[in-house]
Amino acid sequence: MNCVNDCRFCSLFEGKQLYGQIDTLLCETPNFAMFPTIGALVEGWVLIAPKEHRYSMCSYYSNNEFADFVDKMKNKLHKQYHKFQFFRRR
C-alpha cells in the first residue's frame, strides 16, 4: 500500500479510527475497501476505494478485481436496503 502522511484512508486501512465508528471498514480485499464516509446524506452511504493513492478511478473501471468487489458490495447493500442507488464518476 502506498501511504501518504495524514491521509484518513491510509489510517483507516491501518486499523486506526480517527473519526470513531464512522472509520469502520465494512468490507475489504488486499486492494480495495468499502466504508462509510463523513457527511453522508443518507443511511447506507458508503465509499468503495482502492488501497493506493490515485488521482482518478478510471483505470479501475476495466479491472476485473474491482468489478468483482463492487458486485459483491452491491449484493450486500441490496440485502440490507433493498432499493439503493449506485453510481460512479467517469
Protein backbone atom coordinates (compact mmCIF):
# COMPACT_ATOMS: atom_id res chain seq x y z
CA MET A 1 0.00 0.00 0.00
CA ASN A 2 1.28 3.43 -0.96
CA CYS A 3 0.55 5.60 2.12
CA VAL A 4 0.70 9.34 2.47
CA ASN A 5 1.07 11.14 5.81
CA ASP A 6 -2.16 12.40 7.35
CA CYS A 7 -4.36 10.51 4.90
CA ARG A 8 -7.62 9.44 6.51
CA PHE A 9 -7.96 6.47 4.19
CA CYS A 10 -4.43 5.19 4.88
CA SER A 11 -5.11 5.46 8.61
CA LEU A 12 -8.34 3.55 8.15
CA PHE A 13 -6.59 0.79 6.19
CA GLU A 14 -4.05 0.53 9.02
CA GLY A 15 -6.86 -0.01 11.55
CA LYS A 16 -6.83 3.47 13.10
CA GLN A 17 -10.20 5.04 13.79
CA LEU A 18 -9.51 8.78 13.67
CA TYR A 19 -13.22 9.63 13.49
CA GLY A 20 -14.63 6.91 15.73
CA GLN A 21 -17.25 4.49 14.49
CA ILE A 22 -17.51 6.19 11.09
CA ASP A 23 -14.00 4.85 10.43
CA THR A 24 -15.04 1.22 10.18
CA LEU A 25 -14.15 -0.92 7.22
CA LEU A 26 -17.31 -2.72 6.20
CA CYS A 27 -15.56 -5.00 3.75
CA GLU A 28 -12.12 -5.20 2.21
CA THR A 29 -9.75 -7.11 -0.03
CA PRO A 30 -5.99 -6.67 -0.26
CA ASN A 31 -6.56 -3.89 -2.84
CA PHE A 32 -9.99 -2.34 -2.15
CA ALA A 33 -12.23 -1.37 0.75
CA MET A 34 -15.79 -0.22 1.43
CA PHE A 35 -16.53 2.13 4.32
CA PRO A 36 -18.96 4.87 5.43
CA THR A 37 -17.99 8.43 4.63
CA ILE A 38 -18.06 11.58 6.69
CA GLY A 39 -21.02 13.77 5.85
CA ALA A 40 -23.16 11.03 4.31
CA LEU A 41 -26.56 12.42 3.39
CA VAL A 42 -28.46 9.16 3.71
CA GLU A 43 -28.15 5.98 5.76
CA GLY A 44 -26.08 3.38 3.96
CA TRP A 45 -23.94 5.86 2.04
CA VAL A 46 -20.55 4.20 1.50
CA LEU A 47 -17.40 4.69 -0.49
CA ILE A 48 -15.51 2.00 -2.35
CA ALA A 49 -11.88 2.95 -2.75
CA PRO A 50 -8.54 1.44 -3.74
CA LYS A 51 -5.91 0.98 -1.07
CA GLU A 52 -3.41 3.01 -3.05
CA HIS A 53 -3.41 6.68 -3.90
CA ARG A 54 -4.75 7.55 -7.35
CA TYR A 55 -5.82 10.77 -8.97
CA SER A 56 -8.56 9.00 -10.87
CA MET A 57 -10.56 5.80 -10.54
CA CYS A 58 -10.95 5.45 -14.34
CA SER A 59 -8.30 2.75 -14.65
CA TYR A 60 -10.23 0.57 -12.20
CA TYR A 61 -13.45 0.50 -14.22
CA SER A 62 -11.97 -2.16 -16.51
CA ASN A 63 -10.24 -4.02 -13.65
CA ASN A 64 -11.83 -7.43 -13.00
CA GLU A 65 -10.90 -7.50 -9.32
CA PHE A 66 -12.52 -4.09 -8.79
CA ALA A 67 -15.63 -5.14 -10.74
CA ASP A 68 -15.98 -8.32 -8.66
CA PHE A 69 -15.59 -6.36 -5.42
CA VAL A 70 -18.20 -3.80 -6.50
CA ASP A 71 -20.65 -6.56 -7.47
CA LYS A 72 -20.24 -8.25 -4.07
CA MET A 73 -20.78 -4.93 -2.28
CA LYS A 74 -23.86 -4.17 -4.38
CA ASN A 75 -25.31 -7.53 -3.30
CA LYS A 76 -24.60 -6.75 0.37
CA LEU A 77 -26.22 -3.33 0.08
CA HIS A 78 -29.23 -4.79 -1.71
CA LYS A 79 -29.77 -7.30 1.10
CA GLN A 80 -29.60 -4.53 3.69
CA TYR A 81 -31.54 -1.74 1.95
CA HIS A 82 -33.41 -3.49 -0.90
CA LYS A 83 -33.50 -0.34 -3.03
CA PHE A 84 -30.40 1.76 -3.43
CA GLN A 85 -28.62 3.98 -5.91
CA PHE A 86 -25.18 3.08 -7.21
CA PHE A 87 -23.12 5.48 -9.23
CA ARG A 88 -19.60 6.17 -10.28
CA ARG A 89 -17.91 9.05 -11.98
CA ARG A 90 -16.13 8.56 -15.26
